Amino acid sequence: MAKKRPAAKTAKPQLNTGEISVVGAREPCPCGSGRRYKACHGAAAAHAVTEHVQRPFEGLPGECDWVALRELVPAATVPLTLKGGLPGGVPSVTLVTVLPMAWPALRREDGSVLLGLQNESSTGDLGRDMADTLERALAAEPGTPVPARRVPAEGPRLQDLLDVDGGFEPVVHSGFEFWIPESESAQSASPEIAASLERANAAAIPTVKLAGVDAAYWCETPDKNHLRWVMPHPEEKLLDALARLHAAGTSSLGEGTRLVGSFRAHGLVVPVWDLPTGVTADDVEKPAAEFAERLAGALASDAPLTTEERRARGGLTNRQVTLS
């Protein structure tokens, strides 16, 4: 005969889910229930995760650049335009690739908002996570960072908050000095931010956005340089077109350069070229524009792939990886 369960103890006051901090799965839940986090609010948070959104930036101006700044570019900023204009006391909202201490957002002393892009997603929809962070940043006290939290499953997305006609013009920086307001100097920053700035600058890979084509970024590494180009075309159509050019020997960007493969990021395909160390961003401006014309012609073709083109496509597909 099964043993009787002891009478349940009087439940302790419970906090709202939004007030529960995230702790280790086996640690006591911060709500005071006496249960482990994974069996209490951790379980509820796990069930609240929404279905993964493959293209979280779809519908926003500059979707390809959003992906590039999320995955490829160390330091960049973009002014954002909100639907209905800026609220009182907020002179500007700026998207930044990353903030000190990986803050999701920062409300500066002057009321302006910096919104970080390279942060983790808790809902499976980066657009929803960032919208929640943006709303909290707009309401935060000036001079305070916005902490991470588990985002409610229901809520607005970036597409609901940003003006889709507002444009999207990234400015790529060589370092992270944009963390410091123009009215201040790096020497005036707190020791914590100064140390974070020094580490970030030391790790940043030199990166340049090409001017002649959309969402193509040159970067310099110790062994070789690269061009990584985020493209908006449907994956299967784009791979067919790249295979046609590769089989025809016209997929390079000039002598010594080579199309080496591609990766997927946030629902888009990013072809990658290896470049010799001496090839600069200026050097590939014209070849990239010429490649864009060849690619447009290949994308327009509906002819079945030849045997050689299918072989080229297989090679490109085998070297493809998924980042998100």
Protein backbone atom coordinates (compact mmCIF):
# COMPACT_ATOMS: atom_id res chain seq x y z
CA MET A 1 0.00 0.00 0.00
CA ALA A 2 1.51 3.34 -1.01
CA LYS A 3 2.64 5.67 1.71
CA LYS A 4 0.56 8.74 2.28
CA ARG A 5 2.14 11.96 1.18
CA PRO A 6 2.82 14.42 4.01
CA ALA A 7 0.46 17.33 4.16
CA ALA A 8 1.58 20.16 1.95
CA LYS A 9 3.20 23.07 3.75
CA THR A 10 1.69 26.49 3.47
CA ALA A 11 2.89 27.96 0.22
CA LYS A 12 5.23 30.91 0.44
CA PRO A 13 4.30 34.10 -1.39
CA GLN A 14 5.07 33.74 -5.10
CA LEU A 15 6.65 36.39 -7.29
CA ASN A 16 5.50 37.21 -10.77
CA THR A 17 7.35 35.23 -13.44
CA GLY A 18 8.80 38.45 -14.88
CA GLU A 19 10.48 39.17 -11.51
CA ILE A 20 12.28 35.82 -11.25
CA SER A 21 16.00 36.01 -11.91
CA VAL A 22 17.65 33.21 -13.89
CA VAL A 23 19.75 30.81 -11.80
CA GLY A 24 21.24 27.34 -12.24
CA ALA A 25 18.76 24.57 -12.99
CA ARG A 26 19.53 22.73 -9.72
CA GLU A 27 19.65 25.80 -7.50
CA PRO A 28 16.72 26.83 -5.28
CA CYS A 29 14.18 28.89 -7.20
CA PRO A 30 14.43 32.59 -6.27
CA CYS A 31 10.64 32.72 -5.78
CA GLY A 32 11.00 31.05 -2.37
CA SER A 33 8.99 27.91 -3.12
CA GLY A 34 11.75 25.63 -1.82
CA ARG A 35 11.89 23.73 -5.11
CA ARG A 36 14.75 23.65 -7.58
CA TYR A 37 14.60 26.27 -10.31
CA LYS A 38 14.20 23.68 -13.09
CA ALA A 39 11.11 22.25 -11.35
CA CYS A 40 9.58 25.64 -10.59
CA HIS A 41 9.85 28.87 -12.59
CA GLY A 42 12.56 27.37 -14.78
CA ALA A 43 10.05 24.88 -16.13
CA ALA A 44 7.52 27.63 -16.78
CA ALA A 45 10.14 29.69 -18.58
CA ALA A 46 11.10 26.72 -20.75
CA HIS A 47 7.49 26.18 -21.77
CA ALA A 48 7.15 29.88 -22.59
CA VAL A 49 9.81 29.71 -25.31
CA THR A 50 8.20 30.47 -28.64
CA GLU A 51 8.76 28.66 -31.89
CA HIS A 52 12.09 29.55 -33.52
CA VAL A 53 11.70 32.37 -36.04
CA GLN A 54 14.04 31.62 -38.92
CA ARG A 55 14.18 35.20 -40.25
CA PRO A 56 13.79 37.50 -37.23
CA PHE A 57 14.64 40.64 -39.26
CA GLU A 58 12.37 39.94 -42.22
CA GLY A 59 10.36 42.99 -43.20
CA LEU A 60 12.82 45.46 -41.69
CA PRO A 61 14.79 47.77 -43.99
CA GLY A 62 18.30 46.42 -44.50
CA GLU A 63 17.54 42.83 -43.43
CA CYS A 64 20.86 41.65 -44.90
CA ASP A 65 22.78 44.29 -42.95
CA TRP A 66 20.95 43.35 -39.73
CA VAL A 67 22.24 39.80 -40.23
CA ALA A 68 25.76 41.02 -41.03
CA LEU A 69 25.92 43.22 -37.93
CA ARG A 70 24.60 40.36 -35.81
CA GLU A 71 27.07 37.73 -37.08
CA LEU A 72 30.00 39.33 -38.92
CA VAL A 73 30.79 42.87 -37.88
CA PRO A 74 32.58 43.60 -34.59
CA ALA A 75 31.84 47.31 -34.20
CA ALA A 76 29.07 49.24 -35.94
CA THR A 77 26.23 51.63 -35.20
CA VAL A 78 22.96 52.46 -36.98
CA PRO A 79 20.47 55.24 -36.13
CA LEU A 80 16.97 53.77 -35.72
CA THR A 81 13.65 55.47 -36.47
CA LEU A 82 10.66 54.56 -34.31
CA LYS A 83 7.07 54.44 -35.45
CA GLY A 84 5.36 57.60 -34.28
CA GLY A 85 8.67 59.30 -33.48
CA LEU A 86 10.80 59.40 -30.36
CA PRO A 87 9.16 59.66 -26.93
CA GLY A 88 9.83 62.70 -24.79
CA GLY A 89 13.25 62.75 -23.15
CA VAL A 90 14.78 60.34 -25.71
CA PRO A 91 16.88 62.32 -28.21
CA SER A 92 17.93 59.27 -30.24
CA VAL A 93 17.89 55.47 -30.50
CA THR A 94 20.97 53.78 -31.95
CA LEU A 95 21.50 50.12 -32.77
CA VAL A 96 25.01 48.96 -31.81
CA THR A 97 26.65 45.62 -32.41
CA VAL A 98 27.63 45.12 -28.78
CA LEU A 99 27.73 47.02 -25.48
CA PRO A 100 30.07 46.85 -22.45
CA MET A 101 29.53 43.79 -20.26
CA ALA A 102 27.18 42.45 -22.97
CA TRP A 103 24.35 44.73 -21.76
CA PRO A 104 21.25 44.28 -23.94
CA ALA A 105 20.73 48.06 -23.93
CA LEU A 106 21.85 51.27 -22.26
CA ARG A 107 19.95 54.47 -21.44
CA ARG A 108 22.58 57.17 -21.37
CA GLU A 109 22.63 60.15 -19.02
CA ASP A 110 21.27 62.38 -21.80
CA GLY A 111 18.31 60.01 -22.30
CA SER A 112 19.52 58.50 -25.58
CA VAL A 113 19.26 54.73 -26.04
CA LEU A 114 21.86 52.26 -27.31
CA LEU A 115 20.32 48.91 -28.30
CA GLY A 116 22.69 45.91 -28.48
CA LEU A 117 22.34 43.39 -31.30
CA GLN A 118 24.80 40.61 -30.47
CA ASN A 119 22.94 39.15 -27.49
CA GLU A 120 21.32 35.80 -26.76
CA SER A 121 17.67 35.10 -27.57
CA SER A 122 15.43 33.64 -24.86
CA THR A 123 12.25 33.20 -26.90
CA GLY A 124 13.44 31.78 -30.20
CA ASP A 125 12.53 35.12 -31.81
CA LEU A 126 15.35 37.64 -31.69
CA GLY A 127 13.02 40.32 -33.01
CA ARG A 128 10.70 39.87 -30.01
CA ASP A 129 13.57 39.81 -27.52
CA MET A 130 15.02 43.04 -28.89
CA ALA A 131 11.64 44.75 -28.96
CA ASP A 132 11.17 43.94 -25.28
CA THR A 133 14.65 45.31 -24.52
CA LEU A 134 13.95 48.46 -26.54
CA GLU A 135 10.67 49.16 -24.72
CA ARG A 136 12.37 48.73 -21.35
CA ALA A 137 15.28 50.96 -22.43
CA LEU A 138 12.91 53.75 -23.48
CA ALA A 139 11.35 53.66 -20.01
CA ALA A 140 14.59 53.19 -18.03
CA GLU A 141 16.11 55.85 -15.83
CA PRO A 142 18.82 57.84 -17.65
CA GLY A 143 22.28 56.57 -16.88
CA THR A 144 21.28 52.92 -16.41
CA PRO A 145 21.90 49.71 -18.39
CA VAL A 146 18.96 47.44 -19.21
CA PRO A 147 19.49 43.91 -17.83
CA ALA A 148 18.67 40.68 -19.60
CA ARG A 149 15.47 38.87 -18.69
CA ARG A 150 13.25 36.08 -19.92
CA VAL A 151 10.96 37.76 -22.41
CA PRO A 152 7.21 37.02 -22.29
CA ALA A 153 6.02 34.76 -25.08
CA GLU A 154 3.56 37.41 -26.22
CA GLY A 155 4.65 40.91 -27.05
CA PRO A 156 5.66 43.25 -29.86
CA ARG A 157 8.47 42.58 -32.31
CA LEU A 158 10.98 45.01 -33.77
CA GLN A 159 8.78 45.20 -36.86
CA ASP A 160 6.02 46.64 -34.64
CA LEU A 161 8.22 49.34 -33.08
CA LEU A 162 10.52 50.49 -35.90
CA ASP A 163 9.55 52.62 -38.89
CA VAL A 164 10.03 50.25 -41.83
CA ASP A 165 10.41 53.28 -44.12
CA GLY A 166 13.12 54.79 -41.96
CA GLY A 167 16.12 53.35 -43.80
CA PHE A 168 19.07 51.44 -42.38
CA GLU A 169 22.59 52.84 -42.89
CA PRO A 170 25.29 51.05 -40.85
CA VAL A 171 28.47 52.88 -39.89
CA VAL A 172 31.36 50.47 -39.32
CA HIS A 173 33.92 51.52 -36.70
CA SER A 174 37.50 50.41 -36.12
CA GLY A 175 36.87 50.17 -32.37
CA PHE A 176 34.24 50.56 -29.67
CA GLU A 177 34.83 54.19 -28.68
CA PHE A 178 31.15 54.81 -29.53
CA TRP A 179 30.46 53.37 -26.08
CA ILE A 180 31.69 56.68 -24.66
CA PRO A 181 29.50 59.78 -25.24
CA GLU A 182 31.09 62.38 -27.51
CA SER A 183 31.06 64.88 -24.65
CA GLU A 184 33.29 62.59 -22.57
CA SER A 185 36.71 60.98 -23.01
CA ALA A 186 37.73 57.35 -22.64
CA GLN A 187 39.78 58.39 -19.61
CA SER A 188 36.59 59.50 -17.85
CA ALA A 189 34.96 56.05 -18.19
CA SER A 190 34.65 53.78 -15.16
CA PRO A 191 37.49 51.26 -14.68
CA GLU A 192 35.07 48.45 -15.56
CA ILE A 193 34.03 50.02 -18.88
CA ALA A 194 37.60 51.11 -19.68
CA ALA A 195 38.84 47.54 -19.22
CA SER A 196 35.97 46.17 -21.32
CA LEU A 197 36.75 48.73 -24.04
CA GLU A 198 40.41 47.75 -24.11
CA ARG A 199 39.58 44.03 -24.40
CA ALA A 200 37.00 44.61 -27.13
CA ASN A 201 39.31 46.81 -29.20
CA ALA A 202 42.11 44.25 -28.95
CA ALA A 203 39.85 41.46 -30.24
CA ALA A 204 38.12 43.39 -33.04
CA ILE A 205 38.85 42.17 -36.58
CA PRO A 206 39.35 45.06 -39.04
CA THR A 207 36.15 45.20 -41.10
CA VAL A 208 34.94 47.45 -43.93
CA LYS A 209 31.51 47.66 -45.57
CA LEU A 210 31.72 47.83 -49.36
CA ALA A 211 30.12 50.94 -50.83
CA GLY A 212 29.18 49.62 -54.28
CA VAL A 213 27.03 46.60 -53.33
CA ASP A 214 24.64 45.83 -50.50
CA ALA A 215 25.60 43.97 -47.30
CA ALA A 216 29.12 42.91 -48.38
CA TYR A 217 31.83 43.15 -45.72
CA TRP A 218 35.60 42.85 -46.17
CA CYS A 219 37.61 41.71 -43.17
CA GLU A 220 41.30 41.22 -42.41
CA THR A 221 42.70 38.20 -40.57
CA PRO A 222 46.34 37.26 -39.91
CA ASP A 223 46.51 34.57 -42.62
CA LYS A 224 44.24 35.95 -45.33
CA ASN A 225 41.45 38.43 -45.96
CA HIS A 226 37.82 37.59 -46.67
CA LEU A 227 34.71 39.02 -48.25
CA ARG A 228 31.46 37.89 -46.62
CA TRP A 229 28.33 38.94 -48.47
CA VAL A 230 24.82 38.52 -47.02
CA MET A 231 22.36 37.95 -49.87
CA PRO A 232 18.54 38.18 -49.85
CA HIS A 233 17.81 35.60 -52.56
CA PRO A 234 16.03 32.29 -51.84
CA GLU A 235 18.63 29.71 -50.85
CA GLU A 236 18.01 27.09 -53.56
CA LYS A 237 17.91 29.71 -56.32
CA LEU A 238 21.07 31.37 -55.04
CA LEU A 239 23.01 28.10 -54.76
CA ASP A 240 22.03 27.21 -58.31
CA ALA A 241 23.26 30.60 -59.52
CA LEU A 242 26.54 30.35 -57.62
CA ALA A 243 27.06 26.85 -59.03
CA ARG A 244 26.56 28.12 -62.59
CA LEU A 245 29.18 30.81 -62.06
CA HIS A 246 31.57 28.46 -60.25
CA ALA A 247 31.39 25.87 -63.04
CA ALA A 248 31.99 28.60 -65.61
CA GLY A 249 35.06 29.84 -63.74
CA THR A 250 33.49 33.24 -63.06
CA SER A 251 32.77 33.02 -59.33
CA SER A 252 36.00 34.69 -58.15
CA LEU A 253 36.60 38.37 -57.42
CA GLY A 254 39.87 38.59 -59.29
CA GLU A 255 43.30 36.97 -59.35
CA GLY A 256 44.10 34.98 -56.24
CA THR A 257 40.55 35.16 -54.87
CA ARG A 258 38.25 32.17 -54.46
CA LEU A 259 34.64 31.46 -53.56
CA VAL A 260 35.15 28.94 -50.75
CA GLY A 261 31.59 28.28 -49.61
CA SER A 262 28.77 29.88 -47.67
CA PHE A 263 26.91 29.76 -44.41
CA ARG A 264 23.33 30.32 -43.34
CA ALA A 265 22.48 32.98 -40.79
CA HIS A 266 18.97 34.01 -39.71
CA GLY A 267 17.39 32.50 -42.81
CA LEU A 268 19.78 34.06 -45.34
CA VAL A 269 22.80 32.70 -47.23
CA VAL A 270 26.21 34.33 -46.86
CA PRO A 271 28.76 33.43 -49.58
CA VAL A 272 32.41 33.76 -48.51
CA TRP A 273 35.48 34.51 -50.61
CA ASP A 274 39.11 34.06 -49.59
CA LEU A 275 41.28 37.01 -50.60
CA PRO A 276 45.08 37.36 -50.61
CA THR A 277 46.47 39.29 -47.64
CA GLY A 278 47.30 42.32 -49.74
CA VAL A 279 43.81 42.70 -51.21
CA THR A 280 41.99 45.60 -49.53
CA ALA A 281 38.32 46.54 -49.42
CA ASP A 282 38.93 49.17 -52.12
CA ASP A 283 40.51 46.49 -54.31
CA VAL A 284 37.33 44.38 -54.37
CA GLU A 285 34.82 47.19 -54.89
CA LYS A 286 34.87 46.95 -58.69
CA PRO A 287 35.15 43.11 -58.85
CA ALA A 288 32.21 42.81 -56.43
CA ALA A 289 30.05 45.10 -58.56
CA GLU A 290 30.95 43.06 -61.66
CA PHE A 291 30.16 39.84 -59.80
CA ALA A 292 26.75 41.23 -58.83
CA GLU A 293 25.96 41.67 -62.52
CA ARG A 294 27.05 38.11 -63.34
CA LEU A 295 25.03 36.80 -60.41
CA ALA A 296 21.90 38.64 -61.60
CA GLY A 297 22.22 36.90 -64.96
CA ALA A 298 22.71 33.49 -63.34
CA LEU A 299 19.70 34.05 -61.06
CA ALA A 300 17.54 34.80 -64.10
CA SER A 301 18.32 31.43 -65.70
CA ASP A 302 15.78 28.62 -65.38
CA ALA A 303 17.79 26.09 -67.38
CA PRO A 304 18.50 22.75 -65.66
CA LEU A 305 21.96 22.52 -64.13
CA THR A 306 24.54 20.69 -66.22
CA THR A 307 26.54 17.82 -64.77
CA GLU A 308 29.46 20.14 -64.04
CA GLU A 309 27.16 22.71 -62.44
CA ARG A 310 25.53 20.05 -60.25
CA ARG A 311 29.01 18.95 -59.16
CA ALA A 312 29.88 22.56 -58.32
CA ARG A 313 26.63 22.94 -56.39
CA GLY A 314 27.36 19.82 -54.39
CA GLY A 315 30.75 21.20 -53.45
CA LEU A 316 29.24 24.48 -52.29
CA THR A 317 26.52 22.70 -50.32
CA ASN A 318 29.02 20.38 -48.61
CA ARG A 319 30.95 23.40 -47.36
CA GLN A 320 27.87 25.19 -46.03
CA VAL A 321 27.32 25.65 -42.32
CA THR A 322 24.47 27.17 -40.30
CA LEU A 323 25.18 29.83 -37.66
CA SER A 324 21.63 30.33 -36.46
